Amino acid sequence: MLALLLTGTLLGGTVTIPDSALIPTSQLYTNDYGSIVVMTGGGNASGTGDPSGRNDDGFSGPINLGFTLNYFGTDYTQFWVNNNGNISFGAGISAYTPSGLTGADAPVISPFFSDVDTRNSASGVVMLNTSIANEIIVTWPGVGYYSQNADLLDTFQLILRGPDYSVPPGEGQIGFFWTTMQWEVGDASGGSGGSCQGTTYQDGTCFPAAVGFGDGLGNSQVLQNSTVPGVSALVNNESIWFNLSNGVPTTVPEPGSWALLASGLAGVLFWRRRK
């Protein structure tokens, strides 16, 4: 009950993370992005193995986590970095249009699953930092969208920590950080100019970014307005932390929320005693 209260609302096989759980921020968790991720498979063949990191729909892996991660009941020691705004387990993902609420029918963590295209020289490229034990940081710094567009750019970051990481108060095992978010859909996913404006979104022909988690078997946790037009503005300059409870993500409340929650629960118990 408490975990569900802190995570969101259960809708069938999906837990919806409320938009109200987002925490305003003006910066990424860290500006130490690490090294360029050279995409080694998937997507645009001309970008495969390019040391600049520029590619479309590529992925890189398997990469060792450096720890064992229990995710939705399965243990993983390796992961794949996917150019299109997510990491996955078991295999790389070259899909560019989100499928379903979490983006893919595979174990995936999606801070912003959409059609990232870094081939334009004005776009940043995906970066990976594994310099700290039991922690990986993947950053999409000022990346463009398909097809080779860089008039609008998105900047976001994923933090993933192992069970032996000493998590500071107010943080968690998984973090999503977004700063400037100017686009949410690529041209091949029904978008125009990075958005669904002027398109027939209601007919299911425009597919904005997916934000959340999934095990590929129907179990998922998704942001309330994931895959809905306006999701880029929703997460602009926001962040959110999660812990893993038996492999399932649960949101970490803002500092001070625990005291408020405890006070509310104490009030409920006192009321029950009086009854």
Protein backbone atom coordinates (compact mmCIF):
# COMPACT_ATOMS: atom_id res chain seq x y z
CA MET A 1 0.00 0.00 0.00
CA LEU A 2 2.72 2.48 0.97
CA ALA A 3 4.89 1.61 -2.06
CA LEU A 4 1.88 2.02 -4.35
CA LEU A 5 1.04 5.36 -2.74
CA LEU A 6 4.56 6.63 -3.36
CA THR A 7 4.76 5.29 -6.92
CA GLY A 8 1.50 6.29 -8.52
CA THR A 9 -1.80 4.86 -9.63
CA LEU A 10 -2.26 1.26 -10.72
CA LEU A 11 -3.98 0.97 -14.10
CA GLY A 12 -4.24 -2.65 -15.21
CA GLY A 13 -0.68 -3.94 -15.69
CA THR A 14 0.75 -0.45 -15.62
CA VAL A 15 1.59 1.83 -12.71
CA THR A 16 1.19 5.48 -13.68
CA ILE A 17 3.75 7.84 -12.15
CA PRO A 18 1.94 11.12 -11.43
CA ASP A 19 3.28 14.27 -13.05
CA SER A 20 3.22 15.82 -9.57
CA ALA A 21 6.16 13.57 -8.61
CA LEU A 22 8.47 15.60 -10.89
CA ILE A 23 10.91 17.89 -9.06
CA PRO A 24 11.94 21.21 -10.69
CA THR A 25 15.64 21.48 -11.50
CA SER A 26 17.82 23.80 -13.55
CA GLN A 27 20.70 21.41 -14.20
CA LEU A 28 21.65 17.82 -14.84
CA TYR A 29 22.80 15.63 -11.97
CA THR A 30 26.39 15.94 -13.22
CA ASN A 31 28.25 17.70 -16.01
CA ASP A 32 30.84 14.91 -16.13
CA TYR A 33 29.43 13.09 -19.14
CA GLY A 34 32.30 10.64 -19.55
CA SER A 35 33.13 9.30 -23.01
CA ILE A 36 31.43 9.18 -26.41
CA VAL A 37 29.35 6.07 -27.00
CA VAL A 38 30.32 4.56 -30.34
CA MET A 39 27.20 2.87 -31.67
CA THR A 40 28.05 -0.62 -32.87
CA GLY A 41 24.78 -1.91 -34.27
CA GLY A 42 21.30 -1.15 -35.52
CA GLY A 43 19.92 1.72 -37.50
CA ASN A 44 21.83 3.74 -40.04
CA ALA A 45 24.68 1.61 -41.40
CA SER A 46 26.78 4.66 -42.32
CA GLY A 47 26.94 5.63 -38.64
CA THR A 48 27.82 2.20 -37.29
CA GLY A 49 31.20 2.29 -35.57
CA ASP A 50 31.76 5.99 -36.27
CA PRO A 51 34.21 7.15 -33.55
CA SER A 52 32.46 10.54 -33.47
CA GLY A 53 29.38 8.81 -32.04
CA ARG A 54 27.14 10.36 -34.69
CA ASN A 55 24.44 7.97 -35.85
CA ASP A 56 20.76 7.36 -36.33
CA ASP A 57 18.98 4.49 -34.50
CA GLY A 58 22.18 2.81 -33.36
CA PHE A 59 23.00 1.02 -30.12
CA SER A 60 26.08 -0.14 -28.23
CA GLY A 61 26.53 -3.22 -26.09
CA PRO A 62 26.62 -5.41 -24.24
CA ILE A 63 28.32 -3.18 -21.66
CA ASN A 64 29.13 -4.48 -18.20
CA LEU A 65 27.14 -2.82 -15.43
CA GLY A 66 29.82 -3.55 -12.84
CA PHE A 67 27.10 -4.87 -10.53
CA THR A 68 24.08 -7.15 -10.60
CA LEU A 69 20.79 -5.34 -11.13
CA ASN A 70 17.52 -7.00 -10.23
CA TYR A 71 15.00 -5.45 -12.59
CA PHE A 72 11.39 -6.68 -12.51
CA GLY A 73 12.58 -9.96 -10.96
CA THR A 74 15.41 -10.72 -13.41
CA ASP A 75 19.11 -10.26 -12.64
CA TYR A 76 21.21 -8.41 -15.21
CA THR A 77 24.95 -7.77 -15.33
CA GLN A 78 25.06 -6.09 -18.76
CA PHE A 79 23.11 -3.43 -20.62
CA TRP A 80 22.87 -1.70 -24.00
CA VAL A 81 22.92 2.05 -24.63
CA ASN A 82 20.43 2.95 -27.35
CA ASN A 83 20.70 6.20 -29.27
CA ASN A 84 16.93 6.78 -29.10
CA GLY A 85 16.79 7.90 -25.46
CA ASN A 86 16.88 4.66 -23.48
CA ILE A 87 18.92 1.73 -22.20
CA SER A 88 17.86 -1.91 -22.45
CA PHE A 89 18.68 -5.36 -21.14
CA GLY A 90 19.13 -8.55 -23.15
CA ALA A 91 19.62 -6.82 -26.51
CA GLY A 92 20.00 -3.43 -28.15
CA ILE A 93 17.01 -1.50 -29.47
CA SER A 94 17.10 0.35 -32.79
CA ALA A 95 13.36 1.15 -32.80
CA TYR A 96 12.76 4.88 -33.19
CA THR A 97 8.99 5.11 -32.71
CA PRO A 98 7.81 4.29 -29.16
CA SER A 99 5.67 1.15 -29.07
CA GLY A 100 3.21 1.19 -26.19
CA LEU A 101 3.63 3.23 -23.05
CA THR A 102 7.25 2.25 -22.35
CA GLY A 103 8.53 2.42 -25.92
CA ALA A 104 9.45 -1.23 -26.55
CA ASP A 105 8.48 -4.83 -25.89
CA ALA A 106 11.79 -5.41 -24.12
CA PRO A 107 13.29 -4.71 -20.68
CA VAL A 108 13.92 -0.99 -20.94
CA ILE A 109 14.58 2.15 -18.92
CA SER A 110 13.45 5.18 -20.90
CA PRO A 111 14.19 8.69 -19.70
CA PHE A 112 12.98 9.94 -23.12
CA PHE A 113 12.40 7.29 -25.79
CA SER A 114 12.04 9.11 -29.10
CA ASP A 115 13.77 9.37 -32.48
CA VAL A 116 17.15 10.88 -31.56
CA ASP A 117 19.34 11.63 -34.58
CA THR A 118 22.86 12.91 -33.87
CA ARG A 119 24.18 13.04 -37.45
CA ASN A 120 23.88 16.83 -37.69
CA SER A 121 27.14 18.45 -36.56
CA ALA A 122 25.14 20.87 -34.36
CA SER A 123 23.80 17.94 -32.31
CA GLY A 124 25.52 16.44 -29.31
CA VAL A 125 26.18 12.69 -29.12
CA VAL A 126 25.37 10.12 -26.44
CA MET A 127 27.90 9.93 -23.59
CA LEU A 128 28.59 7.29 -20.92
CA ASN A 129 30.29 7.71 -17.54
CA THR A 130 31.26 4.55 -15.62
CA SER A 131 34.07 6.09 -13.56
CA ILE A 132 32.28 5.70 -10.21
CA ALA A 133 31.88 2.20 -8.77
CA ASN A 134 28.32 0.82 -8.81
CA GLU A 135 27.02 3.71 -10.91
CA ILE A 136 26.49 4.39 -14.59
CA ILE A 137 25.47 7.74 -16.07
CA VAL A 138 24.18 8.08 -19.63
CA THR A 139 23.73 11.58 -21.05
CA TRP A 140 22.04 12.82 -24.21
CA PRO A 141 23.47 16.38 -24.32
CA GLY A 142 21.74 18.72 -26.77
CA VAL A 143 20.71 16.00 -29.21
CA GLY A 144 18.70 16.50 -32.40
CA TYR A 145 15.89 14.53 -33.96
CA TYR A 146 15.18 12.69 -37.21
CA SER A 147 15.91 13.48 -39.97
CA GLN A 148 19.22 15.20 -39.12
CA ASN A 149 17.39 18.11 -37.52
CA ALA A 150 19.22 20.28 -34.99
CA ASP A 151 17.04 23.38 -34.95
CA LEU A 152 15.60 22.05 -31.66
CA LEU A 153 17.68 20.14 -29.12
CA ASP A 154 17.01 17.97 -26.04
CA THR A 155 19.27 17.45 -23.03
CA PHE A 156 18.60 14.66 -20.56
CA GLN A 157 20.43 12.21 -18.32
CA LEU A 158 19.94 8.77 -16.74
CA ILE A 159 21.61 7.69 -13.49
CA LEU A 160 21.58 3.97 -12.58
CA ARG A 161 23.11 2.62 -9.36
CA GLY A 162 23.86 -0.87 -8.09
CA PRO A 163 22.72 -2.31 -4.76
CA ASP A 164 26.09 -1.54 -3.08
CA TYR A 165 25.97 2.17 -3.90
CA SER A 166 25.60 4.37 -0.81
CA VAL A 167 22.66 6.52 -1.90
CA PRO A 168 22.63 10.05 -0.43
CA PRO A 169 19.43 11.24 1.30
CA GLY A 170 16.85 12.53 -1.15
CA GLU A 171 18.32 10.58 -4.06
CA GLY A 172 17.65 7.06 -5.34
CA GLN A 173 18.94 4.15 -7.37
CA ILE A 174 17.59 5.49 -10.67
CA GLY A 175 17.40 9.15 -11.65
CA PHE A 176 15.97 10.97 -14.66
CA PHE A 177 17.13 14.55 -15.22
CA TRP A 178 15.95 16.82 -18.03
CA THR A 179 16.99 20.40 -18.73
CA THR A 180 16.23 22.08 -22.08
CA MET A 181 13.69 19.88 -23.89
CA GLN A 182 12.60 21.40 -27.20
CA TRP A 183 11.32 18.45 -29.26
CA GLU A 184 9.39 15.22 -28.57
CA VAL A 185 8.91 13.38 -31.87
CA GLY A 186 10.87 12.71 -35.05
CA ASP A 187 9.73 13.26 -38.61
CA ALA A 188 9.37 9.49 -39.22
CA SER A 189 7.10 9.07 -36.16
CA GLY A 190 4.40 11.40 -37.44
CA GLY A 191 5.93 14.61 -36.17
CA SER A 192 6.63 17.92 -37.86
CA GLY A 193 9.17 20.36 -36.48
CA GLY A 194 9.69 18.13 -33.44
CA SER A 195 6.06 18.08 -32.29
CA CYS A 196 2.61 16.72 -33.15
CA GLN A 197 1.22 20.17 -33.90
CA GLY A 198 -0.76 20.12 -37.13
CA THR A 199 -0.73 16.31 -37.25
CA THR A 200 -3.50 13.78 -36.74
CA TYR A 201 -2.33 12.62 -33.31
CA GLN A 202 -5.80 11.48 -32.29
CA ASP A 203 -5.74 8.99 -35.17
CA GLY A 204 -2.64 7.38 -33.67
CA THR A 205 -0.31 8.60 -36.38
CA CYS A 206 1.95 10.80 -34.26
CA PHE A 207 3.95 9.21 -31.44
CA PRO A 208 5.61 11.50 -28.86
CA ALA A 209 8.32 10.28 -26.49
CA ALA A 210 7.83 7.53 -23.90
CA VAL A 211 9.08 8.04 -20.33
CA GLY A 212 9.25 5.15 -17.88
CA PHE A 213 10.14 1.51 -17.27
CA GLY A 214 9.09 -1.86 -18.63
CA ASP A 215 10.06 -5.52 -18.42
CA GLY A 216 8.92 -6.37 -21.95
CA LEU A 217 6.25 -8.71 -20.57
CA GLY A 218 3.49 -6.22 -19.84
CA ASN A 219 4.71 -4.90 -16.49
CA SER A 220 5.48 -1.21 -16.62
CA GLN A 221 5.77 2.09 -14.82
CA VAL A 222 5.13 5.18 -16.95
CA LEU A 223 4.95 8.92 -16.46
CA GLN A 224 1.36 10.14 -16.44
CA ASN A 225 1.60 11.94 -19.80
CA SER A 226 4.08 9.63 -21.48
CA THR A 227 3.49 9.38 -25.27
CA VAL A 228 1.12 12.37 -25.12
CA PRO A 229 1.77 15.66 -27.00
CA GLY A 230 3.40 18.15 -24.65
CA VAL A 231 5.57 15.59 -22.85
CA SER A 232 8.74 17.55 -23.70
CA ALA A 233 7.36 20.69 -22.04
CA LEU A 234 6.20 18.59 -19.09
CA VAL A 235 9.69 17.32 -18.28
CA ASN A 236 11.55 20.50 -19.24
CA ASN A 237 13.81 21.45 -16.29
CA GLU A 238 12.52 18.59 -14.13
CA SER A 239 13.96 15.53 -12.37
CA ILE A 240 12.78 12.43 -10.54
CA TRP A 241 14.40 9.69 -8.43
CA PHE A 242 13.37 6.06 -8.01
CA ASN A 243 14.38 3.17 -5.79
CA LEU A 244 14.00 -0.47 -6.73
CA SER A 245 11.80 -2.52 -4.42
CA ASN A 246 12.12 -6.20 -5.40
CA GLY A 247 13.23 -4.96 -8.80
CA VAL A 248 10.23 -2.64 -9.26
CA PRO A 249 10.75 1.15 -9.40
CA THR A 250 9.12 3.28 -6.72
CA THR A 251 9.45 7.05 -6.60
CA VAL A 252 11.56 8.71 -3.94
CA PRO A 253 9.58 11.55 -2.31
CA GLU A 254 11.03 15.04 -2.10
CA PRO A 255 12.95 15.89 1.09
CA GLY A 256 10.38 16.71 3.77
CA SER A 257 7.67 14.56 2.20
CA TRP A 258 8.45 11.68 4.55
CA ALA A 259 7.72 13.88 7.55
CA LEU A 260 4.44 15.04 5.98
CA LEU A 261 3.47 11.46 5.11
CA ALA A 262 4.36 10.22 8.61
CA SER A 263 2.31 13.03 10.14
CA GLY A 264 -0.67 12.07 7.98
CA LEU A 265 -0.37 8.40 8.87
CA ALA A 266 -0.06 9.27 12.56
CA GLY A 267 -3.26 11.30 12.26
CA VAL A 268 -5.04 8.35 10.67
CA LEU A 269 -3.89 6.00 13.45
CA PHE A 270 -4.98 8.49 16.15
CA TRP A 271 -8.39 8.82 14.51
CA ARG A 272 -8.73 5.04 14.41
CA ARG A 273 -7.81 4.75 18.09
CA ARG A 274 -10.45 7.34 19.01
CA LYS A 275 -13.06 5.39 17.05
